[in-house]
Amino acid sequence: MILHAQAKHGKPGLPWLVFLHGFSGDCHEWQEVGEAFADYSRLYVDLPGHGGSAAISVDGFDDVTDLLCKTLVSYNILNFWLVGYSLGG
């Protein structure tokens, strides 16, 4: 399983910006901020049970990290900066 996410492409060669929302949020929280970084490709992720991602049982942040890694690989994102706060931080 991978997490629901929305991708916006920027200039090639720059690292991706991967945005993680806080508790009770979804991928839309960061989109206005992300537009200020339009040169960068951006991935706005819905964490499990939020937005378009299924509500699944996770045993902790290690499980969420595994899902995030699988999601990044599915988008072929290997070079990125992670941006988040609260639950996503």
PDB file of N, CA and C in Angstrom:
ATOM      1  N   MET A   1       0.835  -1.184   0.000  1.00  0.00           N
ATOM      2  CA  MET A   1       0.000   0.000   0.000  1.00  0.00           C
ATOM      3  C   MET A   1       0.881   1.250   0.000  1.00  0.00           C
ATOM      4  N   ILE A   2       0.431   2.260  -0.727  1.00  0.00           N
ATOM      5  CA  ILE A   2       1.094   3.561  -0.675  1.00  0.00           C
ATOM      6  C   ILE A   2       0.083   4.597  -0.199  1.00  0.00           C
ATOM      7  N   LEU A   3       0.588   5.728   0.223  1.00  0.00           N
ATOM      8  CA  LEU A   3      -0.253   6.815   0.710  1.00  0.00           C
ATOM      9  C   LEU A   3      -0.748   7.666  -0.451  1.00  0.00           C
ATOM     10  N   HIS A   4      -1.925   8.238  -0.287  1.00  0.00           N
ATOM     11  CA  HIS A   4      -2.439   9.176  -1.281  1.00  0.00           C
ATOM     12  C   HIS A   4      -1.570  10.430  -1.245  1.00  0.00           C
ATOM     13  N   ALA A   5      -1.264  10.961  -2.404  1.00  0.00           N
ATOM     14  CA  ALA A   5      -0.448  12.172  -2.486  1.00  0.00           C
ATOM     15  C   ALA A   5      -0.772  12.911  -3.779  1.00  0.00           C
ATOM     16  N   GLN A   6      -0.449  14.192  -3.784  1.00  0.00           N
ATOM     17  CA  GLN A   6      -0.584  15.008  -4.989  1.00  0.00           C
ATOM     18  C   GLN A   6       0.794  15.560  -5.339  1.00  0.00           C
ATOM     19  N   ALA A   7       1.196  15.365  -6.583  1.00  0.00           N
ATOM     20  CA  ALA A   7       2.507  15.812  -7.049  1.00  0.00           C
ATOM     21  C   ALA A   7       2.367  17.033  -7.947  1.00  0.00           C
ATOM     22  N   LYS A   8       3.275  17.974  -7.775  1.00  0.00           N
ATOM     23  CA  LYS A   8       3.397  19.148  -8.639  1.00  0.00           C
ATOM     24  C   LYS A   8       4.851  19.197  -9.089  1.00  0.00           C
ATOM     25  N   HIS A   9       5.052  19.257 -10.387  1.00  0.00           N
ATOM     26  CA  HIS A   9       6.414  19.194 -10.911  1.00  0.00           C
ATOM     27  C   HIS A   9       7.007  20.579 -11.115  1.00  0.00           C
ATOM     28  N   GLY A  10       8.281  20.690 -10.759  1.00  0.00           N
ATOM     29  CA  GLY A  10       9.037  21.921 -10.934  1.00  0.00           C
ATOM     30  C   GLY A  10      10.187  21.690 -11.901  1.00  0.00           C
ATOM     31  N   LYS A  11      11.261  22.429 -11.704  1.00  0.00           N
ATOM     32  CA  LYS A  11      12.431  22.309 -12.579  1.00  0.00           C
ATOM     33  C   LYS A  11      13.196  21.021 -12.281  1.00  0.00           C
ATOM     34  N   PRO A  12      13.640  20.326 -13.323  1.00  0.00           N
ATOM     35  CA  PRO A  12      14.413  19.100 -13.114  1.00  0.00           C
ATOM     36  C   PRO A  12      15.743  19.396 -12.419  1.00  0.00           C
ATOM     37  N   GLY A  13      16.241  18.410 -11.688  1.00  0.00           N
ATOM     38  CA  GLY A  13      17.547  18.516 -11.054  1.00  0.00           C
ATOM     39  C   GLY A  13      17.525  19.038  -9.631  1.00  0.00           C
ATOM     40  N   LEU A  14      16.436  19.655  -9.224  1.00  0.00           N
ATOM     41  CA  LEU A  14      16.326  20.140  -7.849  1.00  0.00           C
ATOM     42  C   LEU A  14      15.721  19.047  -6.975  1.00  0.00           C
ATOM     43  N   PRO A  15      16.055  19.039  -5.678  1.00  0.00           N
ATOM     44  CA  PRO A  15      15.416  18.044  -4.814  1.00  0.00           C
ATOM     45  C   PRO A  15      13.915  18.295  -4.703  1.00  0.00           C
ATOM     46  N   TRP A  16      13.177  17.245  -4.443  1.00  0.00           N
ATOM     47  CA  TRP A  16      11.744  17.367  -4.189  1.00  0.00           C
ATOM     48  C   TRP A  16      11.531  17.971  -2.807  1.00  0.00           C
ATOM     49  N   LEU A  17      10.405  18.634  -2.623  1.00  0.00           N
ATOM     50  CA  LEU A  17       9.926  19.036  -1.305  1.00  0.00           C
ATOM     51  C   LEU A  17       8.746  18.127  -0.989  1.00  0.00           C
ATOM     52  N   VAL A  18       8.830  17.391   0.102  1.00  0.00           N
ATOM     53  CA  VAL A  18       7.773  16.466   0.509  1.00  0.00           C
ATOM     54  C   VAL A  18       7.106  17.055   1.744  1.00  0.00           C
ATOM     55  N   PHE A  19       5.824  17.376   1.617  1.00  0.00           N
ATOM     56  CA  PHE A  19       5.079  18.057   2.674  1.00  0.00           C
ATOM     57  C   PHE A  19       4.192  17.069   3.428  1.00  0.00           C
ATOM     58  N   LEU A  20       4.312  17.082   4.772  1.00  0.00           N
ATOM     59  CA  LEU A  20       3.494  16.246   5.646  1.00  0.00           C
ATOM     60  C   LEU A  20       2.664  17.134   6.562  1.00  0.00           C
ATOM     61  N   HIS A  21       1.371  16.918   6.560  1.00  0.00           N
ATOM     62  CA  HIS A  21       0.436  17.736   7.337  1.00  0.00           C
ATOM     63  C   HIS A  21       0.446  17.366   8.821  1.00  0.00           C
ATOM     64  N   GLY A  22      -0.191  18.194   9.623  1.00  0.00           N
ATOM     65  CA  GLY A  22      -0.349  17.937  11.049  1.00  0.00           C
ATOM     66  C   GLY A  22      -1.583  17.099  11.346  1.00  0.00           C
ATOM     67  N   PHE A  23      -1.798  16.831  12.633  1.00  0.00           N
ATOM     68  CA  PHE A  23      -2.941  16.039  13.090  1.00  0.00           C
ATOM     69  C   PHE A  23      -4.240  16.674  12.615  1.00  0.00           C
ATOM     70  N   SER A  24      -5.137  15.872  12.115  1.00  0.00           N
ATOM     71  CA  SER A  24      -6.461  16.228  11.587  1.00  0.00           C
ATOM     72  C   SER A  24      -6.408  17.019  10.281  1.00  0.00           C
ATOM     73  N   GLY A  25      -5.237  17.111   9.663  1.00  0.00           N
ATOM     74  CA  GLY A  25      -5.112  17.816   8.391  1.00  0.00           C
ATOM     75  C   GLY A  25      -5.111  16.857   7.213  1.00  0.00           C
ATOM     76  N   ASP A  26      -4.776  17.389   6.051  1.00  0.00           N
ATOM     77  CA  ASP A  26      -4.616  16.574   4.851  1.00  0.00           C
ATOM     78  C   ASP A  26      -3.631  17.265   3.916  1.00  0.00           C
ATOM     79  N   CYS A  27      -3.461  16.702   2.730  1.00  0.00           N
ATOM     80  CA  CYS A  27      -2.436  17.188   1.800  1.00  0.00           C
ATOM     81  C   CYS A  27      -2.666  18.621   1.330  1.00  0.00           C
ATOM     82  N   HIS A  28      -3.870  19.125   1.482  1.00  0.00           N
ATOM     83  CA  HIS A  28      -4.156  20.484   1.011  1.00  0.00           C
ATOM     84  C   HIS A  28      -3.578  21.571   1.916  1.00  0.00           C
ATOM     85  N   GLU A  29      -3.240  21.227   3.163  1.00  0.00           N
ATOM     86  CA  GLU A  29      -2.748  22.221   4.123  1.00  0.00           C
ATOM     87  C   GLU A  29      -1.539  22.999   3.626  1.00  0.00           C
ATOM     88  N   TRP A  30      -0.635  22.323   2.943  1.00  0.00           N
ATOM     89  CA  TRP A  30       0.636  22.934   2.557  1.00  0.00           C
ATOM     90  C   TRP A  30       0.630  23.539   1.154  1.00  0.00           C
ATOM     91  N   GLN A  31      -0.418  23.352   0.387  1.00  0.00           N
ATOM     92  CA  GLN A  31      -0.343  23.716  -1.029  1.00  0.00           C
ATOM     93  C   GLN A  31      -0.120  25.205  -1.258  1.00  0.00           C
ATOM     94  N   GLU A  32      -0.717  26.050  -0.466  1.00  0.00           N
ATOM     95  CA  GLU A  32      -0.488  27.490  -0.640  1.00  0.00           C
ATOM     96  C   GLU A  32       0.965  27.844  -0.335  1.00  0.00           C
ATOM     97  N   VAL A  33       1.516  27.272   0.716  1.00  0.00           N
ATOM     98  CA  VAL A  33       2.929  27.492   1.048  1.00  0.00           C
ATOM     99  C   VAL A  33       3.813  26.931  -0.060  1.00  0.00           C
ATOM    100  N   GLY A  34       3.488  25.739  -0.530  1.00  0.00           N
ATOM    101  CA  GLY A  34       4.293  25.088  -1.556  1.00  0.00           C
ATOM    102  C   GLY A  34       4.385  25.871  -2.849  1.00  0.00           C
ATOM    103  N   GLU A  35       3.351  26.636  -3.171  1.00  0.00           N
ATOM    104  CA  GLU A  35       3.380  27.428  -4.406  1.00  0.00           C
ATOM    105  C   GLU A  35       4.496  28.470  -4.388  1.00  0.00           C
ATOM    106  N   ALA A  36       4.943  28.871  -3.214  1.00  0.00           N
ATOM    107  CA  ALA A  36       6.070  29.805  -3.117  1.00  0.00           C
ATOM    108  C   ALA A  36       7.381  29.145  -3.553  1.00  0.00           C
ATOM    109  N   PHE A  37       7.366  27.820  -3.676  1.00  0.00           N
ATOM    110  CA  PHE A  37       8.551  27.060  -4.080  1.00  0.00           C
ATOM    111  C   PHE A  37       8.299  26.359  -5.416  1.00  0.00           C
ATOM    112  N   ALA A  38       7.671  27.061  -6.340  1.00  0.00           N
ATOM    113  CA  ALA A  38       7.236  26.468  -7.609  1.00  0.00           C
ATOM    114  C   ALA A  38       8.393  25.938  -8.453  1.00  0.00           C
ATOM    115  N   ASP A  39       9.619  26.406  -8.222  1.00  0.00           N
ATOM    116  CA  ASP A  39      10.760  25.859  -8.956  1.00  0.00           C
ATOM    117  C   ASP A  39      11.022  24.400  -8.577  1.00  0.00           C
ATOM    118  N   TYR A  40      10.624  24.018  -7.377  1.00  0.00           N
ATOM    119  CA  TYR A  40      10.846  22.667  -6.875  1.00  0.00           C
ATOM    120  C   TYR A  40       9.640  21.783  -7.177  1.00  0.00           C
ATOM    121  N   SER A  41       9.906  20.517  -7.438  1.00  0.00           N
ATOM    122  CA  SER A  41       8.810  19.556  -7.484  1.00  0.00           C
ATOM    123  C   SER A  41       8.347  19.332  -6.052  1.00  0.00           C
ATOM    124  N   ARG A  42       7.013  19.224  -5.883  1.00  0.00           N
ATOM    125  CA  ARG A  42       6.453  19.093  -4.545  1.00  0.00           C
ATOM    126  C   ARG A  42       5.541  17.883  -4.476  1.00  0.00           C
ATOM    127  N   LEU A  43       5.591  17.187  -3.353  1.00  0.00           N
ATOM    128  CA  LEU A  43       4.677  16.080  -3.093  1.00  0.00           C
ATOM    129  C   LEU A  43       3.957  16.379  -1.787  1.00  0.00           C
ATOM    130  N   TYR A  44       2.628  16.468  -1.878  1.00  0.00           N
ATOM    131  CA  TYR A  44       1.774  16.726  -0.721  1.00  0.00           C
ATOM    132  C   TYR A  44       1.130  15.397  -0.334  1.00  0.00           C
ATOM    133  N   VAL A  45       1.467  14.892   0.842  1.00  0.00           N
ATOM    134  CA  VAL A  45       1.089  13.543   1.250  1.00  0.00           C
ATOM    135  C   VAL A  45      -0.063  13.573   2.253  1.00  0.00           C
ATOM    136  N   ASP A  46      -1.004  12.641   2.093  1.00  0.00           N
ATOM    137  CA  ASP A  46      -2.028  12.375   3.106  1.00  0.00           C
ATOM    138  C   ASP A  46      -1.534  11.218   3.971  1.00  0.00           C
ATOM    139  N   LEU A  47      -1.339  11.468   5.261  1.00  0.00           N
ATOM    140  CA  LEU A  47      -0.923  10.410   6.176  1.00  0.00           C
ATOM    141  C   LEU A  47      -2.083   9.425   6.384  1.00  0.00           C
ATOM    142  N   PRO A  48      -1.806   8.213   6.897  1.00  0.00           N
ATOM    143  CA  PRO A  48      -2.863   7.204   7.048  1.00  0.00           C
ATOM    144  C   PRO A  48      -4.079   7.742   7.810  1.00  0.00           C
ATOM    145  N   GLY A  49      -5.264   7.487   7.249  1.00  0.00           N
ATOM    146  CA  GLY A  49      -6.503   7.916   7.881  1.00  0.00           C
ATOM    147  C   GLY A  49      -6.861   9.369   7.658  1.00  0.00           C
ATOM    148  N   HIS A  50      -6.131  10.048   6.801  1.00  0.00           N
ATOM    149  CA  HIS A  50      -6.364  11.466   6.510  1.00  0.00           C
ATOM    150  C   HIS A  50      -6.549  11.647   5.009  1.00  0.00           C
ATOM    151  N   GLY A  51      -7.385  12.610   4.637  1.00  0.00           N
ATOM    152  CA  GLY A  51      -7.592  12.915   3.221  1.00  0.00           C
ATOM    153  C   GLY A  51      -7.940  11.675   2.423  1.00  0.00           C
ATOM    154  N   GLY A  52      -7.183  11.418   1.362  1.00  0.00           N
ATOM    155  CA  GLY A  52      -7.452  10.288   0.485  1.00  0.00           C
ATOM    156  C   GLY A  52      -6.753   8.999   0.863  1.00  0.00           C
ATOM    157  N   SER A  53      -5.991   8.988   1.964  1.00  0.00           N
ATOM    158  CA  SER A  53      -5.308   7.762   2.394  1.00  0.00           C
ATOM    159  C   SER A  53      -6.224   6.934   3.288  1.00  0.00           C
ATOM    160  N   ALA A  54      -6.181   5.637   3.086  1.00  0.00           N
ATOM    161  CA  ALA A  54      -7.031   4.724   3.857  1.00  0.00           C
ATOM    162  C   ALA A  54      -6.692   4.776   5.341  1.00  0.00           C
ATOM    163  N   ALA A  55      -7.718   4.568   6.156  1.00  0.00           N
ATOM    164  CA  ALA A  55      -7.524   4.436   7.600  1.00  0.00           C
ATOM    165  C   ALA A  55      -7.101   2.996   7.864  1.00  0.00           C
ATOM    166  N   ILE A  56      -5.844   2.821   8.197  1.00  0.00           N
ATOM    167  CA  ILE A  56      -5.326   1.477   8.445  1.00  0.00           C
ATOM    168  C   ILE A  56      -4.740   1.431   9.846  1.00  0.00           C
ATOM    169  N   SER A  57      -4.582   0.240  10.351  1.00  0.00           N
ATOM    170  CA  SER A  57      -3.978   0.058  11.666  1.00  0.00           C
ATOM    171  C   SER A  57      -2.461   0.142  11.529  1.00  0.00           C
ATOM    172  N   VAL A  58      -1.860   1.050  12.274  1.00  0.00           N
ATOM    173  CA  VAL A  58      -0.400   1.163  12.303  1.00  0.00           C
ATOM    174  C   VAL A  58       0.059   0.986  13.743  1.00  0.00           C
ATOM    175  N   ASP A  59       1.219   0.381  13.913  1.00  0.00           N
ATOM    176  CA  ASP A  59       1.748   0.117  15.249  1.00  0.00           C
ATOM    177  C   ASP A  59       2.666   1.219  15.747  1.00  0.00           C
ATOM    178  N   GLY A  60       2.770   2.298  15.021  1.00  0.00           N
ATOM    179  CA  GLY A  60       3.622   3.401  15.453  1.00  0.00           C
ATOM    180  C   GLY A  60       4.222   4.119  14.262  1.00  0.00           C
ATOM    181  N   PHE A  61       5.138   5.023  14.574  1.00  0.00           N
ATOM    182  CA  PHE A  61       5.735   5.842  13.524  1.00  0.00           C
ATOM    183  C   PHE A  61       6.613   5.039  12.575  1.00  0.00           C
ATOM    184  N   ASP A  62       7.133   3.890  13.026  1.00  0.00           N
ATOM    185  CA  ASP A  62       7.911   3.052  12.106  1.00  0.00           C
ATOM    186  C   ASP A  62       7.044   2.582  10.939  1.00  0.00           C
ATOM    187  N   ASP A  63       5.794   2.209  11.219  1.00  0.00           N
ATOM    188  CA  ASP A  63       4.882   1.787  10.150  1.00  0.00           C
ATOM    189  C   ASP A  63       4.567   2.943   9.205  1.00  0.00           C
ATOM    190  N   VAL A  64       4.359   4.128   9.767  1.00  0.00           N
ATOM    191  CA  VAL A  64       4.072   5.305   8.937  1.00  0.00           C
ATOM    192  C   VAL A  64       5.288   5.635   8.074  1.00  0.00           C
ATOM    193  N   THR A  65       6.478   5.518   8.654  1.00  0.00           N
ATOM    194  CA  THR A  65       7.708   5.768   7.904  1.00  0.00           C
ATOM    195  C   THR A  65       7.843   4.785   6.743  1.00  0.00           C
ATOM    196  N   ASP A  66       7.540   3.519   6.984  1.00  0.00           N
ATOM    197  CA  ASP A  66       7.594   2.518   5.908  1.00  0.00           C
ATOM    198  C   ASP A  66       6.628   2.869   4.781  1.00  0.00           C
ATOM    199  N   LEU A  67       5.404   3.284   5.135  1.00  0.00           N
ATOM    200  CA  LEU A  67       4.428   3.684   4.116  1.00  0.00           C
ATOM    201  C   LEU A  67       4.912   4.899   3.335  1.00  0.00           C
ATOM    202  N   LEU A  68       5.501   5.860   4.033  1.00  0.00           N
ATOM    203  CA  LEU A  68       6.024   7.049   3.361  1.00  0.00           C
ATOM    204  C   LEU A  68       7.147   6.664   2.402  1.00  0.00           C
ATOM    205  N   CYS A  69       8.050   5.789   2.831  1.00  0.00           N
ATOM    206  CA  CYS A  69       9.145   5.351   1.952  1.00  0.00           C
ATOM    207  C   CYS A  69       8.611   4.658   0.702  1.00  0.00           C
ATOM    208  N   LYS A  70       7.620   3.789   0.863  1.00  0.00           N
ATOM    209  CA  LYS A  70       7.019   3.112  -0.293  1.00  0.00           C
ATOM    210  C   LYS A  70       6.364   4.119  -1.234  1.00  0.00           C
ATOM    211  N   THR A  71       5.743   5.131  -0.658  1.00  0.00           N
ATOM    212  CA  THR A  71       5.106   6.170  -1.475  1.00  0.00           C
ATOM    213  C   THR A  71       6.153   6.948  -2.260  1.00  0.00           C
ATOM    214  N   LEU A  72       7.242   7.334  -1.601  1.00  0.00           N
ATOM    215  CA  LEU A  72       8.305   8.082  -2.281  1.00  0.00           C
ATOM    216  C   LEU A  72       8.913   7.258  -3.413  1.00  0.00           C
ATOM    217  N   VAL A  73       9.160   5.991  -3.173  1.00  0.00           N
ATOM    218  CA  VAL A  73       9.717   5.117  -4.213  1.00  0.00           C
ATOM    219  C   VAL A  73       8.742   5.002  -5.386  1.00  0.00           C
ATOM    220  N   SER A  74       7.436   4.933  -5.095  1.00  0.00           N
ATOM    221  CA  SER A  74       6.453   4.812  -6.183  1.00  0.00           C
ATOM    222  C   SER A  74       6.456   6.039  -7.090  1.00  0.00           C
ATOM    223  N   TYR A  75       6.847   7.189  -6.553  1.00  0.00           N
ATOM    224  CA  TYR A  75       6.969   8.417  -7.342  1.00  0.00           C
ATOM    225  C   TYR A  75       8.402   8.617  -7.854  1.00  0.00           C
ATOM    226  N   ASN A  76       9.285   7.662  -7.586  1.00  0.00           N
ATOM    227  CA  ASN A  76      10.696   7.743  -7.956  1.00  0.00           C
ATOM    228  C   ASN A  76      11.375   8.966  -7.326  1.00  0.00           C
ATOM    229  N   ILE A  77      11.000   9.271  -6.097  1.00  0.00           N
ATOM    230  CA  ILE A  77      11.586  10.399  -5.367  1.00  0.00           C
ATOM    231  C   ILE A  77      12.692   9.857  -4.473  1.00  0.00           C
ATOM    232  N   LEU A  78      13.938  10.168  -4.831  1.00  0.00           N
ATOM    233  CA  LEU A  78      15.088   9.689  -4.079  1.00  0.00           C
ATOM    234  C   LEU A  78      15.854  10.829  -3.416  1.00  0.00           C
ATOM    235  N   ASN A  79      15.704  12.037  -3.929  1.00  0.00           N
ATOM    236  CA  ASN A  79      16.398  13.216  -3.408  1.00  0.00           C
ATOM    237  C   ASN A  79      15.332  14.219  -2.985  1.00  0.00           C
ATOM    238  N   PHE A  80      15.188  14.441  -1.674  1.00  0.00           N
ATOM    239  CA  PHE A  80      14.090  15.292  -1.208  1.00  0.00           C
ATOM    240  C   PHE A  80      14.427  15.958   0.122  1.00  0.00           C
ATOM    241  N   TRP A  81      13.666  17.001   0.399  1.00  0.00           N
ATOM    242  CA  TRP A  81      13.655  17.660   1.703  1.00  0.00           C
ATOM    243  C   TRP A  81      12.273  17.427   2.284  1.00  0.00           C
ATOM    244  N   LEU A  82      12.227  17.055   3.535  1.00  0.00           N
ATOM    245  CA  LEU A  82      10.964  16.783   4.208  1.00  0.00           C
ATOM    246  C   LEU A  82      10.524  18.019   4.978  1.00  0.00           C
ATOM    247  N   VAL A  83       9.255  18.416   4.791  1.00  0.00           N
ATOM    248  CA  VAL A  83       8.686  19.588   5.456  1.00  0.00           C
ATOM    249  C   VAL A  83       7.443  19.126   6.206  1.00  0.00           C
ATOM    250  N   GLY A  84       7.373  19.398   7.501  1.00  0.00           N
ATOM    251  CA  GLY A  84       6.201  18.984   8.255  1.00  0.00           C
ATOM    252  C   GLY A  84       6.125  19.676   9.595  1.00  0.00           C
ATOM    253  N   TYR A  85       4.996  19.475  10.261  1.00  0.00           N
ATOM    254  CA  TYR A  85       4.813  19.983  11.619  1.00  0.00           C
ATOM    255  C   TYR A  85       3.845  19.053  12.342  1.00  0.00           C
ATOM    256  N   SER A  86       3.813  19.128  13.642  1.00  0.00           N
ATOM    257  CA  SER A  86       2.903  18.331  14.461  1.00  0.00           C
ATOM    258  C   SER A  86       3.062  16.855  14.098  1.00  0.00           C
ATOM    259  N   LEU A  87       1.982  16.177  13.759  1.00  0.00           N
ATOM    260  CA  LEU A  87       2.034  14.760  13.397  1.00  0.00           C
ATOM    261  C   LEU A  87       2.993  14.520  12.230  1.00  0.00           C
ATOM    262  N   GLY A  88       3.054  15.439  11.288  1.00  0.00           N
ATOM    263  CA  GLY A  88       3.923  15.297  10.118  1.00  0.00           C
ATOM    264  C   GLY A  88       5.355  15.736  10.353  1.00  0.00           C
ATOM    265  N   GLY A  89       5.647  16.251  11.530  1.00  0.00           N
ATOM    266  CA  GLY A  89       6.993  16.735  11.829  1.00  0.00           C
ATOM    267  C   GLY A  89       7.822  15.673  12.483  1.00  0.00           C
TER     268      GLY A  89
END
